[in-house]
Amino acid sequence: MRYQVVHDTIYDYSTPVVQSRHVIRKSPRDLPHQAIETHSLTITPRPTIIDRHTDPFGNAIAFAEIDTEHRKLVVSAKSRIETRPSLNIDLDKSYAWDGLRKAMGTAKTCEIDVVQYAVASRHTPLTNDVMAYAAPSFPVGRPVLQAAWDLTSRIYHDFKFDPTATDVSTPVHDVLQHRRGVCQDFSHVALACLRMMRVPARYVSGYLLTHPPPGQPRLQGADASHAWISVWAPETGWVEFDPTNNQIPGEEHIAIAYGRDFDDINPISGILLGGNEHTVSVAVDVMPLV
């Protein structure tokens, strides 16, 4: 499938910003199942300096320095992307989760890019309540990908999607207690559980094609960013799971960035001189192309 994705972020400041520096992660990943046809990034006001780099997780990032006084910042990314079907993987034939640590030590492809995702991060602490929730999915000898599928399916059925229940700072402990949240929360819960078992798992940010109710048109800008996870097995490499939708991602998922948790893939971060209070509005449009 081919898509055009437009992702606009607008900051309105109560007082002028004199200077600002930003890190922007809005460029899609170039992957075996996903190809970038075109990508552009427009920033208003125009940056004094913009540099493009790759971060330690392999994500394309832009550093923007703005020295023009402003009370509004607009960051617009436009991409054309082709996605391909995910591989047909037999989850039952993956390595046993409780033997994975040994496999990680002997696999030729298991380097720091894998090991770094098997340990706790700020949003994925290893705690007793995480262990209690994770344990039923990890009986002795279970294939690691089958365990990951069981875990993400349980999250889908046990938790309620509620955009009013959490924010970006809500800890996993609270999400586990109240069983409510959004895709970011469900991904953090899944990652904490997998890492509790020392299974390498990474956070994936991106977009998901949404479908309007039957008979209703698509609303421009009504889509949203999405989050899911990716789990490593020696036989397959990284395999993705979407706990919010109880799916193995395919052609309707578009990956932007990988990281240990949300902190590593925040679409826009930075520092300001001035600005005081501000509001943020985000509009995302994922449009299939013929």
Protein backbone atom coordinates (compact mmCIF):
# COMPACT_ATOMS: atom_id res chain seq x y z
CA MET A 1 0.00 0.00 0.00
CA ARG A 2 1.06 3.59 -0.61
CA TYR A 3 0.28 6.53 1.67
CA GLN A 4 0.70 10.23 1.98
CA VAL A 5 1.19 11.20 5.63
CA VAL A 6 0.98 14.79 6.85
CA HIS A 7 1.87 15.46 10.50
CA ASP A 8 1.46 19.07 11.67
CA THR A 9 2.40 20.29 15.15
CA ILE A 10 1.61 23.88 16.18
CA TYR A 11 2.88 25.58 19.34
CA ASP A 12 1.25 28.86 20.44
CA TYR A 13 3.18 30.79 23.11
CA SER A 14 1.73 33.35 25.52
CA THR A 15 4.87 35.53 25.25
CA PRO A 16 7.49 35.80 22.50
CA VAL A 17 10.16 33.11 22.16
CA VAL A 18 13.50 34.81 21.56
CA GLN A 19 15.51 31.67 20.76
CA SER A 20 14.74 27.95 20.56
CA ARG A 21 16.51 24.70 19.83
CA HIS A 22 14.58 21.58 18.81
CA VAL A 23 15.13 17.89 18.09
CA ILE A 24 12.57 16.60 15.58
CA ARG A 25 11.78 12.94 14.84
CA LYS A 26 9.16 12.90 12.09
CA SER A 27 10.98 11.09 9.29
CA PRO A 28 9.72 7.54 8.60
CA ARG A 29 12.13 4.61 8.88
CA ASP A 30 13.43 2.98 5.71
CA LEU A 31 12.81 -0.73 6.41
CA PRO A 32 12.55 -4.06 4.57
CA HIS A 33 8.75 -3.80 4.75
CA GLN A 34 8.56 -0.01 4.29
CA ALA A 35 10.08 2.31 1.69
CA ILE A 36 10.19 6.13 1.79
CA GLU A 37 9.36 7.64 -1.59
CA THR A 38 9.54 11.31 -0.52
CA HIS A 39 9.86 13.21 2.75
CA SER A 40 9.92 16.92 3.54
CA LEU A 41 10.04 18.92 6.76
CA THR A 42 8.83 22.53 6.92
CA ILE A 43 9.46 24.69 10.00
CA THR A 44 7.98 28.15 10.53
CA PRO A 45 9.66 30.46 11.40
CA ARG A 46 12.49 29.29 9.21
CA PRO A 47 15.40 27.92 11.28
CA THR A 48 18.72 29.75 11.32
CA ILE A 49 20.43 26.36 11.24
CA ILE A 50 19.06 22.88 10.54
CA ASP A 51 21.24 19.76 10.72
CA ARG A 52 20.18 16.20 9.98
CA HIS A 53 21.65 13.22 11.79
CA THR A 54 20.92 9.64 12.84
CA ASP A 55 20.46 9.00 16.56
CA PRO A 56 21.90 5.96 18.44
CA PHE A 57 18.71 3.98 17.72
CA GLY A 58 18.98 4.49 13.95
CA ASN A 59 16.24 7.13 13.73
CA ALA A 60 16.55 10.08 11.37
CA ILE A 61 16.50 13.32 13.38
CA ALA A 62 16.69 17.02 12.59
CA PHE A 63 18.27 19.63 14.88
CA ALA A 64 16.73 23.06 14.32
CA GLU A 65 17.97 26.36 15.76
CA ILE A 66 15.55 29.31 15.54
CA ASP A 67 16.84 32.79 16.36
CA THR A 68 13.84 34.70 15.01
CA GLU A 69 11.48 36.01 17.69
CA HIS A 70 8.13 34.22 17.43
CA ARG A 71 4.91 33.43 19.25
CA LYS A 72 3.96 30.47 17.07
CA LEU A 73 5.99 27.48 15.90
CA VAL A 74 4.71 25.22 13.13
CA VAL A 75 6.47 21.94 12.31
CA SER A 76 4.98 20.12 9.32
CA ALA A 77 6.21 16.78 7.97
CA LYS A 78 4.92 15.35 4.70
CA SER A 79 5.88 11.87 3.50
CA ARG A 80 4.98 9.41 0.78
CA ILE A 81 5.52 5.84 1.90
CA GLU A 82 5.03 2.36 0.51
CA THR A 83 4.37 -0.48 2.97
CA ARG A 84 4.47 -4.21 2.32
CA PRO A 85 2.77 -7.16 4.03
CA SER A 86 4.48 -8.50 7.14
CA LEU A 87 6.19 -11.86 6.86
CA ASN A 88 4.18 -14.95 7.74
CA ILE A 89 5.95 -16.01 10.95
CA ASP A 90 5.16 -19.15 12.94
CA LEU A 91 5.15 -17.81 16.51
CA ASP A 92 5.29 -21.32 17.96
CA LYS A 93 8.66 -22.04 16.38
CA SER A 94 10.61 -19.24 18.05
CA TYR A 95 13.23 -19.77 20.75
CA ALA A 96 12.01 -20.44 24.31
CA TRP A 97 11.90 -17.18 26.28
CA ASP A 98 13.74 -18.67 29.30
CA GLY A 99 16.65 -19.75 27.11
CA LEU A 100 16.86 -16.43 25.32
CA ARG A 101 19.61 -14.95 27.49
CA LYS A 102 21.95 -17.76 26.45
CA ALA A 103 20.93 -17.31 22.81
CA MET A 104 21.65 -13.60 23.04
CA GLY A 105 25.18 -14.41 24.12
CA THR A 106 25.87 -16.70 21.17
CA ALA A 107 23.84 -15.21 18.29
CA LYS A 108 26.10 -13.51 15.76
CA THR A 109 23.55 -10.77 15.14
CA CYS A 110 22.92 -10.06 18.83
CA GLU A 111 24.89 -6.91 19.50
CA ILE A 112 24.22 -3.81 21.60
CA ASP A 113 21.29 -2.95 19.32
CA VAL A 114 19.49 -5.97 20.82
CA VAL A 115 20.87 -6.13 24.37
CA GLN A 116 20.03 -2.50 25.16
CA TYR A 117 16.32 -3.30 24.77
CA ALA A 118 16.34 -6.08 27.38
CA VAL A 119 16.84 -3.79 30.39
CA ALA A 120 14.59 -1.36 32.24
CA SER A 121 14.11 2.25 31.17
CA ARG A 122 12.48 5.25 32.84
CA HIS A 123 8.99 4.34 31.61
CA THR A 124 9.42 0.56 31.95
CA PRO A 125 10.46 -0.16 35.56
CA LEU A 126 10.87 -3.75 36.76
CA THR A 127 8.57 -4.04 39.77
CA ASN A 128 6.55 -6.65 41.64
CA ASP A 129 3.26 -5.60 40.02
CA VAL A 130 4.86 -5.84 36.57
CA MET A 131 6.10 -9.33 37.42
CA ALA A 132 2.67 -10.38 38.67
CA TYR A 133 0.99 -9.28 35.44
CA ALA A 134 3.67 -10.74 33.16
CA ALA A 135 4.01 -14.18 34.75
CA PRO A 136 0.93 -15.95 33.26
CA SER A 137 2.23 -15.35 29.73
CA PHE A 138 5.65 -16.88 30.45
CA PRO A 139 5.41 -20.52 31.52
CA VAL A 140 8.66 -22.46 31.34
CA GLY A 141 9.72 -23.30 27.79
CA ARG A 142 7.13 -21.21 25.95
CA PRO A 143 8.31 -19.81 22.59
CA VAL A 144 9.20 -16.15 23.09
CA LEU A 145 7.04 -14.83 20.22
CA GLN A 146 4.08 -16.89 21.39
CA ALA A 147 4.57 -15.44 24.89
CA ALA A 148 4.68 -11.91 23.45
CA TRP A 149 1.47 -12.53 21.49
CA ASP A 150 -0.27 -13.90 24.59
CA LEU A 151 0.88 -10.91 26.64
CA THR A 152 -0.23 -8.28 24.12
CA SER A 153 -3.57 -10.04 23.61
CA ARG A 154 -4.15 -10.04 27.37
CA ILE A 155 -3.41 -6.31 27.51
CA TYR A 156 -5.92 -5.73 24.71
CA HIS A 157 -8.65 -7.60 26.61
CA ASP A 158 -7.77 -6.46 30.16
CA PHE A 159 -7.30 -2.72 29.55
CA LYS A 160 -9.75 -0.10 28.31
CA PHE A 161 -8.73 2.55 25.79
CA ASP A 162 -9.39 5.88 27.53
CA PRO A 163 -7.59 9.04 26.31
CA THR A 164 -8.69 10.94 29.44
CA ALA A 165 -7.16 8.49 31.91
CA THR A 166 -3.45 9.19 31.43
CA ASP A 167 -0.88 11.63 30.09
CA VAL A 168 2.70 11.29 28.90
CA SER A 169 3.99 11.15 32.51
CA THR A 170 1.62 8.47 33.86
CA PRO A 171 3.72 5.59 35.32
CA VAL A 172 3.20 1.94 34.43
CA HIS A 173 2.17 1.25 38.04
CA ASP A 174 -0.90 3.50 37.66
CA VAL A 175 -1.83 2.02 34.30
CA LEU A 176 -1.66 -1.49 35.76
CA GLN A 177 -3.76 -0.42 38.72
CA HIS A 178 -6.53 1.34 36.80
CA ARG A 179 -6.37 -0.74 33.59
CA ARG A 180 -7.02 2.30 31.40
CA GLY A 181 -4.90 4.35 29.01
CA VAL A 182 -3.81 4.80 25.42
CA CYS A 183 -1.44 3.11 22.98
CA GLN A 184 1.63 4.63 24.64
CA ASP A 185 0.58 3.22 28.03
CA PHE A 186 -0.21 -0.25 26.69
CA SER A 187 3.15 -0.35 24.90
CA HIS A 188 4.98 0.64 28.09
CA VAL A 189 3.16 -2.08 30.06
CA ALA A 190 4.08 -4.68 27.44
CA LEU A 191 7.71 -3.55 27.34
CA ALA A 192 8.03 -3.61 31.13
CA CYS A 193 6.63 -7.15 31.25
CA LEU A 194 8.92 -8.43 28.49
CA ARG A 195 11.99 -6.81 30.00
CA MET A 196 11.04 -8.25 33.37
CA MET A 197 11.70 -11.60 31.68
CA ARG A 198 14.87 -10.23 30.03
CA VAL A 199 13.29 -10.39 26.58
CA PRO A 200 14.58 -7.65 24.21
CA ALA A 201 11.66 -5.43 23.21
CA ARG A 202 11.57 -1.94 21.78
CA TYR A 203 9.04 0.90 21.53
CA VAL A 204 7.82 1.75 18.03
CA SER A 205 6.24 5.09 17.16
CA GLY A 206 4.39 5.70 13.95
CA TYR A 207 0.99 5.94 12.34
CA LEU A 208 -1.95 3.63 11.77
CA LEU A 209 -4.46 3.95 8.95
CA THR A 210 -7.85 4.63 10.54
CA HIS A 211 -11.20 3.82 8.96
CA PRO A 212 -14.22 6.12 9.40
CA PRO A 213 -17.59 4.65 10.40
CA PRO A 214 -19.54 3.15 7.46
CA GLY A 215 -21.10 5.85 5.31
CA GLN A 216 -19.05 8.68 6.78
CA PRO A 217 -16.16 10.50 5.07
CA ARG A 218 -12.61 10.59 6.37
CA LEU A 219 -11.97 13.75 8.39
CA GLN A 220 -8.80 15.57 7.38
CA GLY A 221 -6.32 15.80 10.24
CA ALA A 222 -8.34 13.47 12.48
CA ASP A 223 -5.78 10.64 12.53
CA ALA A 224 -3.19 10.39 15.30
CA SER A 225 0.26 9.11 16.08
CA HIS A 226 0.34 5.50 17.24
CA ALA A 227 2.65 3.29 19.31
CA TRP A 228 3.32 -0.44 19.43
CA ILE A 229 6.22 -2.77 20.27
CA SER A 230 8.79 -4.99 18.57
CA VAL A 231 10.20 -8.20 20.11
CA TRP A 232 13.48 -9.95 19.20
CA ALA A 233 13.93 -13.66 18.55
CA PRO A 234 17.11 -15.30 17.17
CA GLU A 235 15.30 -16.98 14.25
CA THR A 236 13.38 -13.96 13.02
CA GLY A 237 15.00 -10.81 14.30
CA TRP A 238 12.45 -8.15 15.29
CA VAL A 239 8.72 -8.96 15.14
CA GLU A 240 6.09 -6.29 15.87
CA PHE A 241 2.97 -6.54 18.06
CA ASP A 242 0.21 -3.97 18.59
CA PRO A 243 -1.36 -4.41 22.06
CA THR A 244 -3.87 -1.61 21.48
CA ASN A 245 -5.47 -3.40 18.53
CA ASN A 246 -4.52 -7.03 19.20
CA GLN A 247 -2.68 -7.22 15.89
CA ILE A 248 0.64 -8.13 14.36
CA PRO A 249 1.29 -4.90 12.41
CA GLY A 250 1.16 -5.06 8.64
CA GLU A 251 0.57 -2.74 5.70
CA GLU A 252 -1.60 -0.29 7.66
CA HIS A 253 1.14 0.45 10.24
CA ILE A 254 3.82 3.02 9.34
CA ALA A 255 6.94 3.10 11.54
CA ILE A 256 8.67 6.39 12.36
CA ALA A 257 11.12 5.67 15.17
CA TYR A 258 12.42 2.97 17.53
CA GLY A 259 13.54 3.45 21.13
CA ARG A 260 13.56 2.08 24.66
CA ASP A 261 10.39 4.02 25.50
CA PHE A 262 8.58 7.26 24.63
CA ASP A 263 11.48 9.42 25.84
CA ASP A 264 13.65 8.15 22.97
CA ILE A 265 11.14 8.84 20.20
CA ASN A 266 9.40 12.06 21.25
CA PRO A 267 8.48 13.69 17.91
CA ILE A 268 9.55 17.18 19.06
CA SER A 269 11.63 18.20 22.06
CA GLY A 270 13.78 21.21 22.82
CA ILE A 271 14.62 24.24 24.92
CA LEU A 272 13.27 27.79 24.71
CA LEU A 273 14.27 31.27 25.79
CA GLY A 274 10.93 32.97 26.51
CA GLY A 275 7.51 31.66 25.55
CA ASN A 276 6.09 31.29 29.09
CA GLU A 277 2.91 29.17 28.85
CA HIS A 278 2.00 27.47 25.60
CA THR A 279 -0.61 25.29 23.93
CA VAL A 280 0.04 22.49 21.44
CA SER A 281 -2.23 21.27 18.65
CA VAL A 282 -1.48 18.25 16.49
CA ALA A 283 -3.10 17.14 13.23
CA VAL A 284 -2.22 13.89 11.48
CA ASP A 285 -3.60 12.74 8.14
CA VAL A 286 -2.84 9.26 6.74
CA MET A 287 -4.22 9.09 3.21
CA PRO A 288 -4.04 5.97 1.02
CA LEU A 289 -2.83 6.63 -2.51
CA VAL A 290 -4.06 4.81 -5.59
